[in-house]
Amino acid sequence: MTHTARRIGRSLALVLPVVLVLSGTLAVSAVPWAGQDATTQLTASSSDVSVRAKPRAPQDVLRDQLLAELQEKDPGAALTRLQREVEKRPSLAKHCMSLARSLGRAAVDQYGPTRAQSFSRPVCDTSYATGVMRAG
């Protein structure tokens, strides 16, 4: 029961902010405001923004993508993609172990420790297995 609740919670934590931002942006840009001509819409300029959001680090973006792939497919597919991304972008190699551990922990949440371990691959040494072990 707790694994299912955790999995649902993590899925919502990944998807909900994106949905809220997109729906809020679309709603604000599409609503004609009271007292204005129906063709006039609210727009924001970059000069109105006091602090810009920092771009997310490539490893954080990749982690989110890999966790989504683990949810949609399986940990094996996510590990294969991790290996390809590190080969394609060597700058990600220093983050490979933490990414693989994150996949291991997420796999335990979704599949349980025994089944999660069956997806283990020699990507980033034994980091995936370490993530499985620590989560299980």
N, C-alpha and C. Protein backbone atom coordinates (compact mmCIF):
# COMPACT_ATOMS: atom_id res chain seq x y z
N MET A 1 0.83 -1.19 0.00
CA MET A 1 0.00 0.00 0.00
C MET A 1 0.87 1.25 0.00
N THR A 2 1.93 1.27 0.84
CA THR A 2 2.76 2.47 0.91
C THR A 2 3.54 2.68 -0.38
N HIS A 3 3.91 1.57 -1.07
CA HIS A 3 4.63 1.71 -2.34
C HIS A 3 3.74 2.37 -3.37
N THR A 4 2.49 1.97 -3.42
CA THR A 4 1.55 2.56 -4.38
C THR A 4 1.31 4.02 -4.07
N ALA A 5 1.12 4.34 -2.81
CA ALA A 5 0.89 5.74 -2.43
C ALA A 5 2.12 6.58 -2.74
N ARG A 6 3.30 6.04 -2.47
CA ARG A 6 4.53 6.76 -2.77
C ARG A 6 4.68 6.99 -4.27
N ARG A 7 4.38 5.96 -5.05
CA ARG A 7 4.49 6.06 -6.50
C ARG A 7 3.53 7.11 -7.04
N ILE A 8 2.30 7.10 -6.54
CA ILE A 8 1.32 8.09 -6.98
C ILE A 8 1.76 9.49 -6.57
N GLY A 9 2.26 9.62 -5.35
CA GLY A 9 2.75 10.91 -4.87
C GLY A 9 3.89 11.44 -5.71
N ARG A 10 4.82 10.59 -6.05
CA ARG A 10 5.95 11.02 -6.88
C ARG A 10 5.50 11.39 -8.28
N SER A 11 4.58 10.62 -8.83
CA SER A 11 4.06 10.94 -10.16
C SER A 11 3.38 12.31 -10.14
N LEU A 12 2.58 12.55 -9.12
CA LEU A 12 1.92 13.85 -9.01
C LEU A 12 2.93 14.97 -8.81
N ALA A 13 3.97 14.69 -8.04
CA ALA A 13 4.99 15.71 -7.79
C ALA A 13 5.71 16.10 -9.07
N LEU A 14 5.84 15.18 -10.01
CA LEU A 14 6.48 15.47 -11.28
C LEU A 14 5.54 16.15 -12.26
N VAL A 15 4.30 15.71 -12.31
CA VAL A 15 3.37 16.16 -13.33
C VAL A 15 2.57 17.39 -12.91
N LEU A 16 2.16 17.47 -11.67
CA LEU A 16 1.27 18.53 -11.22
C LEU A 16 1.82 19.94 -11.44
N PRO A 17 3.07 20.24 -11.10
CA PRO A 17 3.56 21.60 -11.34
C PRO A 17 3.50 22.01 -12.81
N VAL A 18 3.82 21.08 -13.69
CA VAL A 18 3.78 21.38 -15.13
C VAL A 18 2.36 21.68 -15.56
N VAL A 19 1.41 20.87 -15.13
CA VAL A 19 0.01 21.07 -15.49
C VAL A 19 -0.50 22.40 -14.96
N LEU A 20 -0.17 22.71 -13.71
CA LEU A 20 -0.63 23.97 -13.12
C LEU A 20 -0.05 25.18 -13.84
N VAL A 21 1.22 25.14 -14.17
CA VAL A 21 1.84 26.27 -14.86
C VAL A 21 1.23 26.44 -16.25
N LEU A 22 1.11 25.34 -16.98
CA LEU A 22 0.55 25.44 -18.32
C LEU A 22 -0.90 25.89 -18.30
N SER A 23 -1.71 25.34 -17.44
CA SER A 23 -3.12 25.72 -17.40
C SER A 23 -3.27 27.17 -16.94
N GLY A 24 -2.47 27.59 -15.97
CA GLY A 24 -2.53 28.98 -15.51
C GLY A 24 -2.09 29.95 -16.58
N THR A 25 -1.04 29.61 -17.31
CA THR A 25 -0.55 30.46 -18.38
C THR A 25 -1.58 30.59 -19.48
N LEU A 26 -2.16 29.47 -19.86
CA LEU A 26 -3.18 29.51 -20.91
C LEU A 26 -4.41 30.27 -20.46
N ALA A 27 -4.81 30.12 -19.22
CA ALA A 27 -6.00 30.81 -18.73
C ALA A 27 -5.77 32.32 -18.69
N VAL A 28 -4.62 32.75 -18.22
CA VAL A 28 -4.33 34.18 -18.13
C VAL A 28 -4.21 34.80 -19.51
N SER A 29 -3.62 34.10 -20.45
CA SER A 29 -3.42 34.68 -21.78
C SER A 29 -4.69 34.66 -22.61
N ALA A 30 -5.68 33.85 -22.25
CA ALA A 30 -6.87 33.73 -23.07
C ALA A 30 -8.09 34.47 -22.53
N VAL A 31 -8.04 35.00 -21.33
CA VAL A 31 -9.20 35.64 -20.73
C VAL A 31 -9.21 37.14 -21.05
N PRO A 32 -10.27 37.64 -21.69
CA PRO A 32 -10.37 39.08 -21.88
C PRO A 32 -10.67 39.73 -20.53
N TRP A 33 -9.92 40.71 -20.13
CA TRP A 33 -10.05 41.30 -18.81
C TRP A 33 -11.15 42.35 -18.78
N ALA A 34 -11.82 42.46 -17.63
CA ALA A 34 -12.95 43.38 -17.46
C ALA A 34 -12.51 44.81 -17.74
N GLY A 35 -13.35 45.55 -18.42
CA GLY A 35 -13.08 46.94 -18.70
C GLY A 35 -12.16 47.15 -19.88
N GLN A 36 -11.74 46.10 -20.52
CA GLN A 36 -10.87 46.23 -21.68
C GLN A 36 -11.59 45.68 -22.90
N ASP A 37 -11.12 46.09 -24.03
CA ASP A 37 -11.65 45.58 -25.29
C ASP A 37 -11.43 44.07 -25.33
N ALA A 38 -12.35 43.35 -25.91
CA ALA A 38 -12.26 41.89 -25.95
C ALA A 38 -11.02 41.40 -26.69
N THR A 39 -10.47 42.22 -27.55
CA THR A 39 -9.28 41.79 -28.30
C THR A 39 -7.99 42.04 -27.53
N THR A 40 -8.07 42.84 -26.45
CA THR A 40 -6.88 43.12 -25.65
C THR A 40 -6.70 42.02 -24.62
N GLN A 41 -5.47 41.52 -24.55
CA GLN A 41 -5.17 40.47 -23.58
C GLN A 41 -3.97 40.87 -22.76
N LEU A 42 -3.89 40.33 -21.56
CA LEU A 42 -2.79 40.63 -20.67
C LEU A 42 -1.52 39.95 -21.16
N THR A 43 -0.46 40.72 -21.23
CA THR A 43 0.83 40.15 -21.58
C THR A 43 1.86 40.67 -20.58
N ALA A 44 2.87 39.89 -20.32
CA ALA A 44 3.93 40.30 -19.40
C ALA A 44 5.21 40.49 -20.19
N SER A 45 5.96 41.49 -19.83
CA SER A 45 7.24 41.69 -20.49
C SER A 45 8.34 41.25 -19.54
N SER A 46 9.50 40.96 -20.09
CA SER A 46 10.60 40.49 -19.25
C SER A 46 11.07 41.59 -18.31
N SER A 47 10.82 42.86 -18.62
CA SER A 47 11.25 43.94 -17.73
C SER A 47 10.41 43.99 -16.45
N ASP A 48 9.20 43.37 -16.48
CA ASP A 48 8.35 43.34 -15.30
C ASP A 48 8.78 42.27 -14.30
N VAL A 49 9.63 41.37 -14.71
CA VAL A 49 10.04 40.26 -13.87
C VAL A 49 11.27 40.69 -13.07
N SER A 50 11.20 40.58 -11.76
CA SER A 50 12.32 41.03 -10.93
C SER A 50 13.43 39.98 -10.86
N VAL A 51 13.08 38.72 -10.81
CA VAL A 51 14.08 37.66 -10.73
C VAL A 51 13.70 36.57 -11.72
N ARG A 52 14.62 36.25 -12.58
CA ARG A 52 14.36 35.19 -13.56
C ARG A 52 14.66 33.83 -12.94
N ALA A 53 13.88 32.87 -13.36
CA ALA A 53 14.12 31.50 -12.88
C ALA A 53 15.43 31.00 -13.47
N LYS A 54 16.20 30.32 -12.64
CA LYS A 54 17.46 29.76 -13.13
C LYS A 54 17.15 28.55 -13.97
N PRO A 55 17.88 28.38 -15.07
CA PRO A 55 17.67 27.16 -15.85
C PRO A 55 18.08 25.94 -15.03
N ARG A 56 17.38 24.86 -15.23
CA ARG A 56 17.68 23.64 -14.48
C ARG A 56 18.95 23.01 -15.02
N ALA A 57 19.68 22.38 -14.14
CA ALA A 57 20.91 21.71 -14.52
C ALA A 57 20.58 20.53 -15.43
N PRO A 58 21.45 20.24 -16.41
CA PRO A 58 21.19 19.13 -17.34
C PRO A 58 20.95 17.79 -16.63
N GLN A 59 21.69 17.54 -15.54
CA GLN A 59 21.50 16.27 -14.83
C GLN A 59 20.14 16.20 -14.16
N ASP A 60 19.59 17.33 -13.72
CA ASP A 60 18.27 17.34 -13.10
C ASP A 60 17.18 17.09 -14.14
N VAL A 61 17.36 17.69 -15.31
CA VAL A 61 16.41 17.47 -16.41
C VAL A 61 16.46 16.00 -16.81
N LEU A 62 17.67 15.46 -16.96
CA LEU A 62 17.82 14.05 -17.33
C LEU A 62 17.23 13.14 -16.27
N ARG A 63 17.44 13.44 -14.99
CA ARG A 63 16.88 12.61 -13.91
C ARG A 63 15.35 12.53 -14.04
N ASP A 64 14.71 13.67 -14.27
CA ASP A 64 13.25 13.68 -14.42
C ASP A 64 12.81 12.85 -15.63
N GLN A 65 13.55 12.97 -16.72
CA GLN A 65 13.22 12.21 -17.93
C GLN A 65 13.42 10.70 -17.69
N LEU A 66 14.49 10.35 -17.01
CA LEU A 66 14.75 8.93 -16.74
C LEU A 66 13.71 8.35 -15.80
N LEU A 67 13.32 9.10 -14.77
CA LEU A 67 12.29 8.61 -13.85
C LEU A 67 10.95 8.46 -14.57
N ALA A 68 10.65 9.35 -15.48
CA ALA A 68 9.42 9.22 -16.27
C ALA A 68 9.48 7.98 -17.16
N GLU A 69 10.65 7.74 -17.76
CA GLU A 69 10.81 6.56 -18.61
C GLU A 69 10.71 5.28 -17.78
N LEU A 70 11.23 5.29 -16.57
CA LEU A 70 11.11 4.14 -15.68
C LEU A 70 9.64 3.86 -15.39
N GLN A 71 8.84 4.92 -15.17
CA GLN A 71 7.41 4.76 -14.89
C GLN A 71 6.67 4.22 -16.12
N GLU A 72 7.00 4.77 -17.30
CA GLU A 72 6.29 4.41 -18.52
C GLU A 72 6.71 3.05 -19.07
N LYS A 73 7.99 2.73 -18.97
CA LYS A 73 8.50 1.48 -19.54
C LYS A 73 8.97 0.57 -18.41
N ASP A 74 10.28 0.59 -18.17
CA ASP A 74 10.84 -0.20 -17.08
C ASP A 74 12.23 0.33 -16.76
N PRO A 75 12.81 -0.10 -15.64
CA PRO A 75 14.14 0.39 -15.25
C PRO A 75 15.23 0.05 -16.28
N GLY A 76 15.08 -1.06 -16.96
CA GLY A 76 16.07 -1.43 -17.97
C GLY A 76 16.16 -0.40 -19.08
N ALA A 77 15.01 0.08 -19.54
CA ALA A 77 14.98 1.10 -20.59
C ALA A 77 15.60 2.40 -20.09
N ALA A 78 15.31 2.76 -18.84
CA ALA A 78 15.87 3.99 -18.27
C ALA A 78 17.39 3.87 -18.11
N LEU A 79 17.87 2.71 -17.69
CA LEU A 79 19.32 2.52 -17.54
C LEU A 79 20.03 2.57 -18.90
N THR A 80 19.40 1.99 -19.91
CA THR A 80 19.98 2.04 -21.26
C THR A 80 20.07 3.48 -21.73
N ARG A 81 19.01 4.24 -21.50
CA ARG A 81 19.03 5.65 -21.90
C ARG A 81 20.09 6.43 -21.13
N LEU A 82 20.23 6.15 -19.83
CA LEU A 82 21.26 6.81 -19.03
C LEU A 82 22.63 6.56 -19.64
N GLN A 83 22.91 5.32 -19.98
CA GLN A 83 24.20 4.97 -20.56
C GLN A 83 24.42 5.73 -21.87
N ARG A 84 23.41 5.80 -22.72
CA ARG A 84 23.53 6.50 -24.02
C ARG A 84 23.75 8.00 -23.81
N GLU A 85 23.02 8.58 -22.86
CA GLU A 85 23.15 10.02 -22.60
C GLU A 85 24.55 10.36 -22.09
N VAL A 86 25.10 9.51 -21.22
CA VAL A 86 26.45 9.75 -20.69
C VAL A 86 27.48 9.60 -21.80
N GLU A 87 27.26 8.65 -22.69
CA GLU A 87 28.18 8.49 -23.83
C GLU A 87 28.09 9.69 -24.77
N LYS A 88 26.88 10.20 -24.95
CA LYS A 88 26.65 11.33 -25.84
C LYS A 88 27.18 12.64 -25.24
N ARG A 89 26.98 12.80 -23.92
CA ARG A 89 27.41 14.02 -23.22
C ARG A 89 28.30 13.63 -22.05
N PRO A 90 29.60 13.51 -22.28
CA PRO A 90 30.53 13.08 -21.22
C PRO A 90 30.48 13.94 -19.96
N SER A 91 30.01 15.18 -20.07
CA SER A 91 29.92 16.04 -18.87
C SER A 91 28.94 15.48 -17.84
N LEU A 92 28.06 14.59 -18.27
CA LEU A 92 27.10 13.97 -17.34
C LEU A 92 27.70 12.81 -16.56
N ALA A 93 28.89 12.37 -16.95
CA ALA A 93 29.51 11.19 -16.31
C ALA A 93 29.67 11.37 -14.80
N LYS A 94 29.98 12.58 -14.36
CA LYS A 94 30.18 12.79 -12.92
C LYS A 94 28.86 12.67 -12.14
N HIS A 95 27.73 12.71 -12.83
CA HIS A 95 26.42 12.58 -12.19
C HIS A 95 25.81 11.19 -12.40
N CYS A 96 26.50 10.36 -13.15
CA CYS A 96 25.96 9.05 -13.53
C CYS A 96 25.61 8.20 -12.31
N MET A 97 26.48 8.18 -11.33
CA MET A 97 26.23 7.34 -10.16
C MET A 97 24.98 7.78 -9.39
N SER A 98 24.82 9.09 -9.19
CA SER A 98 23.65 9.56 -8.45
C SER A 98 22.37 9.34 -9.27
N LEU A 99 22.47 9.48 -10.58
CA LEU A 99 21.30 9.23 -11.44
C LEU A 99 20.89 7.75 -11.36
N ALA A 100 21.88 6.86 -11.43
CA ALA A 100 21.59 5.43 -11.37
C ALA A 100 21.02 5.04 -10.01
N ARG A 101 21.54 5.63 -8.93
CA ARG A 101 20.99 5.34 -7.60
C ARG A 101 19.53 5.80 -7.50
N SER A 102 19.24 6.96 -8.08
CA SER A 102 17.85 7.46 -8.09
C SER A 102 16.94 6.49 -8.83
N LEU A 103 17.43 5.96 -9.93
CA LEU A 103 16.63 4.97 -10.68
C LEU A 103 16.42 3.72 -9.84
N GLY A 104 17.45 3.30 -9.11
CA GLY A 104 17.32 2.11 -8.26
C GLY A 104 16.27 2.29 -7.18
N ARG A 105 16.28 3.46 -6.53
CA ARG A 105 15.29 3.74 -5.48
C ARG A 105 13.87 3.79 -6.07
N ALA A 106 13.75 4.43 -7.22
CA ALA A 106 12.43 4.53 -7.87
C ALA A 106 11.93 3.16 -8.33
N ALA A 107 12.85 2.32 -8.78
CA ALA A 107 12.47 0.98 -9.21
C ALA A 107 11.94 0.15 -8.04
N VAL A 108 12.54 0.30 -6.87
CA VAL A 108 12.05 -0.42 -5.69
C VAL A 108 10.65 0.06 -5.35
N ASP A 109 10.42 1.36 -5.44
CA ASP A 109 9.09 1.90 -5.15
C ASP A 109 8.05 1.32 -6.11
N GLN A 110 8.44 1.12 -7.36
CA GLN A 110 7.48 0.66 -8.35
C GLN A 110 7.37 -0.87 -8.42
N TYR A 111 8.51 -1.57 -8.30
CA TYR A 111 8.50 -3.01 -8.54
C TYR A 111 8.79 -3.86 -7.31
N GLY A 112 9.25 -3.23 -6.23
CA GLY A 112 9.69 -4.00 -5.07
C GLY A 112 11.15 -4.37 -5.24
N PRO A 113 11.85 -4.68 -4.14
CA PRO A 113 13.30 -4.88 -4.20
C PRO A 113 13.75 -6.05 -5.07
N THR A 114 13.06 -7.17 -5.02
CA THR A 114 13.51 -8.34 -5.78
C THR A 114 13.39 -8.12 -7.27
N ARG A 115 12.24 -7.66 -7.71
CA ARG A 115 12.04 -7.43 -9.15
C ARG A 115 12.90 -6.26 -9.63
N ALA A 116 13.05 -5.23 -8.82
CA ALA A 116 13.89 -4.09 -9.20
C ALA A 116 15.33 -4.53 -9.43
N GLN A 117 15.82 -5.42 -8.59
CA GLN A 117 17.19 -5.90 -8.74
C GLN A 117 17.38 -6.68 -10.04
N SER A 118 16.33 -7.28 -10.55
CA SER A 118 16.45 -8.06 -11.78
C SER A 118 16.76 -7.18 -13.00
N PHE A 119 16.54 -5.88 -12.90
CA PHE A 119 16.83 -4.97 -14.01
C PHE A 119 18.26 -4.43 -13.96
N SER A 120 19.03 -4.82 -12.95
CA SER A 120 20.37 -4.30 -12.74
C SER A 120 21.25 -4.48 -13.97
N ARG A 121 22.01 -3.46 -14.29
CA ARG A 121 22.94 -3.47 -15.42
C ARG A 121 24.23 -2.83 -14.95
N PRO A 122 25.33 -3.09 -15.65
CA PRO A 122 26.61 -2.48 -15.25
C PRO A 122 26.74 -1.03 -15.75
N VAL A 123 25.73 -0.21 -15.51
CA VAL A 123 25.79 1.20 -15.87
C VAL A 123 26.26 1.96 -14.63
N CYS A 124 27.29 2.76 -14.77
CA CYS A 124 27.84 3.54 -13.65
C CYS A 124 28.20 2.61 -12.49
N ASP A 125 28.96 1.59 -12.79
CA ASP A 125 29.38 0.60 -11.80
C ASP A 125 28.16 -0.08 -11.19
N THR A 126 28.07 -0.07 -9.89
CA THR A 126 26.96 -0.76 -9.22
C THR A 126 25.99 0.23 -8.58
N SER A 127 25.92 1.44 -9.10
CA SER A 127 25.10 2.49 -8.48
C SER A 127 23.62 2.16 -8.48
N TYR A 128 23.12 1.55 -9.55
CA TYR A 128 21.71 1.18 -9.59
C TYR A 128 21.42 0.18 -8.47
N ALA A 129 22.26 -0.85 -8.37
CA ALA A 129 22.09 -1.86 -7.32
C ALA A 129 22.17 -1.25 -5.93
N THR A 130 23.05 -0.27 -5.76
CA THR A 130 23.16 0.42 -4.47
C THR A 130 21.86 1.15 -4.15
N GLY A 131 21.27 1.80 -5.15
CA GLY A 131 19.99 2.49 -4.95
C GLY A 131 18.89 1.52 -4.58
N VAL A 132 18.88 0.34 -5.23
CA VAL A 132 17.89 -0.69 -4.92
C VAL A 132 18.07 -1.16 -3.49
N MET A 133 19.33 -1.44 -3.13
CA MET A 133 19.62 -1.96 -1.79
C MET A 133 19.22 -0.97 -0.69
N ARG A 134 19.55 0.31 -0.89
CA ARG A 134 19.25 1.31 0.14
C ARG A 134 17.76 1.58 0.26
N ALA A 135 17.02 1.45 -0.84
CA ALA A 135 15.59 1.71 -0.79
C ALA A 135 14.83 0.50 -0.25
N GLY A 136 15.37 -0.68 -0.47
CA GLY A 136 14.66 -1.91 -0.08
C GLY A 136 14.83 -2.24 1.32
